[in-house]
Amino acid sequence: MRIINIISNELITKQMKLENELERVLNSNNIETEDRVQLCLKTINELTEVHNNITTFKSYIDKEVKKEN
């Protein structure tokens, strides 16, 4: 199923982008401390959401595969 691969890849790509953004903000010396904290928290929340989406999607796919067998 091609659509499953597309969705999985999109979620993984989004996760990688967010992880990269978090690393960039953490290592940035050009951002004020409070702004950096807020950006990090926002990115962490987005990462958590994506991680939950990945987990939910994998669980759904596993259930569907079991139904087919």
N, C-alpha and C. Protein backbone atom coordinates (compact mmCIF):
# COMPACT_ATOMS: atom_id res chain seq x y z
N MET A 1 0.83 -1.18 0.00
CA MET A 1 0.00 0.00 0.00
C MET A 1 0.88 1.24 0.00
N ARG A 2 0.82 1.89 -1.06
CA ARG A 2 1.67 3.06 -1.26
C ARG A 2 1.31 4.23 -0.34
N ILE A 3 0.02 4.42 -0.11
CA ILE A 3 -0.42 5.53 0.73
C ILE A 3 0.11 5.39 2.15
N ILE A 4 0.21 4.19 2.63
CA ILE A 4 0.74 3.96 3.98
C ILE A 4 2.20 4.40 4.05
N ASN A 5 2.96 4.08 3.02
CA ASN A 5 4.36 4.51 2.98
C ASN A 5 4.48 6.03 2.89
N ILE A 6 3.61 6.63 2.12
CA ILE A 6 3.64 8.09 1.99
C ILE A 6 3.35 8.75 3.33
N ILE A 7 2.32 8.29 4.01
CA ILE A 7 1.97 8.85 5.32
C ILE A 7 3.10 8.64 6.31
N SER A 8 3.64 7.44 6.35
CA SER A 8 4.75 7.15 7.27
C SER A 8 5.94 8.05 6.99
N ASN A 9 6.28 8.20 5.74
CA ASN A 9 7.41 9.05 5.37
C ASN A 9 7.17 10.51 5.73
N GLU A 10 5.96 10.98 5.53
CA GLU A 10 5.62 12.36 5.90
C GLU A 10 5.78 12.58 7.40
N LEU A 11 5.30 11.65 8.18
CA LEU A 11 5.41 11.78 9.64
C LEU A 11 6.86 11.74 10.09
N ILE A 12 7.62 10.84 9.53
CA ILE A 12 9.04 10.72 9.90
C ILE A 12 9.80 11.97 9.47
N THR A 13 9.50 12.48 8.28
CA THR A 13 10.15 13.70 7.81
C THR A 13 9.84 14.88 8.72
N LYS A 14 8.59 14.99 9.10
CA LYS A 14 8.20 16.08 10.01
C LYS A 14 8.93 15.96 11.34
N GLN A 15 9.04 14.74 11.85
CA GLN A 15 9.75 14.51 13.11
C GLN A 15 11.22 14.93 12.98
N MET A 16 11.84 14.55 11.90
CA MET A 16 13.25 14.90 11.69
C MET A 16 13.44 16.41 11.58
N LYS A 17 12.54 17.08 10.90
CA LYS A 17 12.62 18.53 10.77
C LYS A 17 12.49 19.20 12.14
N LEU A 18 11.57 18.72 12.93
CA LEU A 18 11.38 19.29 14.26
C LEU A 18 12.57 19.03 15.16
N GLU A 19 13.14 17.84 15.07
CA GLU A 19 14.34 17.54 15.86
C GLU A 19 15.49 18.45 15.45
N ASN A 20 15.61 18.68 14.17
CA ASN A 20 16.64 19.58 13.67
C ASN A 20 16.41 21.02 14.17
N GLU A 21 15.16 21.44 14.13
CA GLU A 21 14.82 22.78 14.60
C GLU A 21 15.12 22.92 16.10
N LEU A 22 14.81 21.92 16.86
CA LEU A 22 15.10 21.95 18.30
C LEU A 22 16.60 22.06 18.54
N GLU A 23 17.35 21.29 17.84
CA GLU A 23 18.81 21.34 17.97
C GLU A 23 19.34 22.72 17.58
N ARG A 24 18.81 23.27 16.50
CA ARG A 24 19.24 24.60 16.05
C ARG A 24 18.95 25.66 17.11
N VAL A 25 17.76 25.63 17.67
CA VAL A 25 17.39 26.62 18.69
C VAL A 25 18.23 26.44 19.95
N LEU A 26 18.43 25.21 20.35
CA LEU A 26 19.23 24.96 21.56
C LEU A 26 20.66 25.47 21.41
N ASN A 27 21.19 25.37 20.22
CA ASN A 27 22.58 25.75 19.99
C ASN A 27 22.75 27.20 19.54
N SER A 28 21.66 27.90 19.38
CA SER A 28 21.74 29.27 18.88
C SER A 28 22.13 30.24 20.00
N ASN A 29 23.08 31.11 19.68
CA ASN A 29 23.48 32.15 20.62
C ASN A 29 22.87 33.49 20.24
N ASN A 30 22.13 33.51 19.16
CA ASN A 30 21.56 34.76 18.66
C ASN A 30 20.14 35.00 19.16
N ILE A 31 19.62 34.09 19.94
CA ILE A 31 18.24 34.19 20.41
C ILE A 31 18.28 34.46 21.92
N GLU A 32 17.46 35.38 22.35
CA GLU A 32 17.37 35.68 23.78
C GLU A 32 16.89 34.44 24.54
N THR A 33 17.29 34.36 25.78
CA THR A 33 17.00 33.16 26.59
C THR A 33 15.51 32.85 26.64
N GLU A 34 14.70 33.83 26.97
CA GLU A 34 13.26 33.58 27.08
C GLU A 34 12.67 33.15 25.74
N ASP A 35 13.09 33.78 24.68
CA ASP A 35 12.63 33.38 23.34
C ASP A 35 13.07 31.96 23.01
N ARG A 36 14.28 31.65 23.39
CA ARG A 36 14.81 30.30 23.13
C ARG A 36 14.00 29.26 23.90
N VAL A 37 13.71 29.56 25.15
CA VAL A 37 12.91 28.63 25.97
C VAL A 37 11.54 28.42 25.33
N GLN A 38 10.89 29.51 24.93
CA GLN A 38 9.57 29.41 24.32
C GLN A 38 9.60 28.63 23.00
N LEU A 39 10.60 28.88 22.20
CA LEU A 39 10.74 28.15 20.94
C LEU A 39 10.98 26.66 21.18
N CYS A 40 11.82 26.36 22.16
CA CYS A 40 12.10 24.96 22.49
C CYS A 40 10.84 24.26 22.97
N LEU A 41 10.10 24.91 23.86
CA LEU A 41 8.86 24.30 24.37
C LEU A 41 7.84 24.09 23.26
N LYS A 42 7.72 25.06 22.38
CA LYS A 42 6.80 24.93 21.24
C LYS A 42 7.22 23.75 20.36
N THR A 43 8.50 23.66 20.07
CA THR A 43 9.01 22.58 19.22
C THR A 43 8.84 21.23 19.90
N ILE A 44 9.09 21.17 21.19
CA ILE A 44 8.91 19.92 21.93
C ILE A 44 7.44 19.49 21.89
N ASN A 45 6.54 20.43 22.04
CA ASN A 45 5.11 20.09 21.95
C ASN A 45 4.75 19.56 20.58
N GLU A 46 5.29 20.16 19.55
CA GLU A 46 5.04 19.68 18.19
C GLU A 46 5.65 18.30 17.98
N LEU A 47 6.83 18.10 18.53
CA LEU A 47 7.47 16.78 18.42
C LEU A 47 6.64 15.72 19.13
N THR A 48 6.12 16.07 20.27
CA THR A 48 5.28 15.13 21.02
C THR A 48 4.04 14.76 20.21
N GLU A 49 3.44 15.74 19.59
CA GLU A 49 2.26 15.49 18.76
C GLU A 49 2.60 14.57 17.59
N VAL A 50 3.70 14.84 16.92
CA VAL A 50 4.11 14.00 15.79
C VAL A 50 4.43 12.58 16.26
N HIS A 51 5.12 12.49 17.38
CA HIS A 51 5.46 11.17 17.93
C HIS A 51 4.17 10.38 18.24
N ASN A 52 3.20 11.04 18.83
CA ASN A 52 1.92 10.40 19.13
C ASN A 52 1.21 9.98 17.84
N ASN A 53 1.30 10.82 16.82
CA ASN A 53 0.69 10.48 15.53
C ASN A 53 1.36 9.25 14.92
N ILE A 54 2.67 9.19 15.01
CA ILE A 54 3.40 8.03 14.49
C ILE A 54 2.99 6.77 15.23
N THR A 55 2.94 6.85 16.54
CA THR A 55 2.56 5.70 17.36
C THR A 55 1.14 5.24 17.04
N THR A 56 0.23 6.18 16.94
CA THR A 56 -1.16 5.85 16.62
C THR A 56 -1.27 5.23 15.23
N PHE A 57 -0.57 5.81 14.27
CA PHE A 57 -0.62 5.29 12.91
C PHE A 57 -0.06 3.86 12.84
N LYS A 58 1.07 3.64 13.49
CA LYS A 58 1.65 2.29 13.51
C LYS A 58 0.71 1.29 14.16
N SER A 59 0.07 1.70 15.25
CA SER A 59 -0.88 0.83 15.92
C SER A 59 -2.05 0.49 15.00
N TYR A 60 -2.55 1.48 14.30
CA TYR A 60 -3.64 1.26 13.37
C TYR A 60 -3.23 0.29 12.26
N ILE A 61 -2.06 0.49 11.71
CA ILE A 61 -1.57 -0.38 10.63
C ILE A 61 -1.40 -1.81 11.14
N ASP A 62 -0.84 -1.95 12.34
CA ASP A 62 -0.68 -3.29 12.91
C ASP A 62 -2.02 -4.00 13.08
N LYS A 63 -3.04 -3.27 13.52
CA LYS A 63 -4.37 -3.86 13.67
C LYS A 63 -4.94 -4.29 12.33
N GLU A 64 -4.75 -3.46 11.32
CA GLU A 64 -5.25 -3.77 9.99
C GLU A 64 -4.56 -5.00 9.41
N VAL A 65 -3.26 -5.11 9.65
CA VAL A 65 -2.50 -6.26 9.15
C VAL A 65 -3.01 -7.54 9.84
N LYS A 66 -3.27 -7.45 11.13
CA LYS A 66 -3.78 -8.62 11.86
C LYS A 66 -5.16 -9.03 11.36
N LYS A 67 -6.00 -8.05 11.02
CA LYS A 67 -7.33 -8.34 10.48
C LYS A 67 -7.23 -9.09 9.15
N GLU A 68 -6.26 -8.70 8.34
CA GLU A 68 -6.10 -9.32 7.02
C GLU A 68 -5.60 -10.76 7.12
N ASN A 69 -4.90 -11.08 8.18
CA ASN A 69 -4.35 -12.43 8.33
C ASN A 69 -5.31 -13.32 9.02
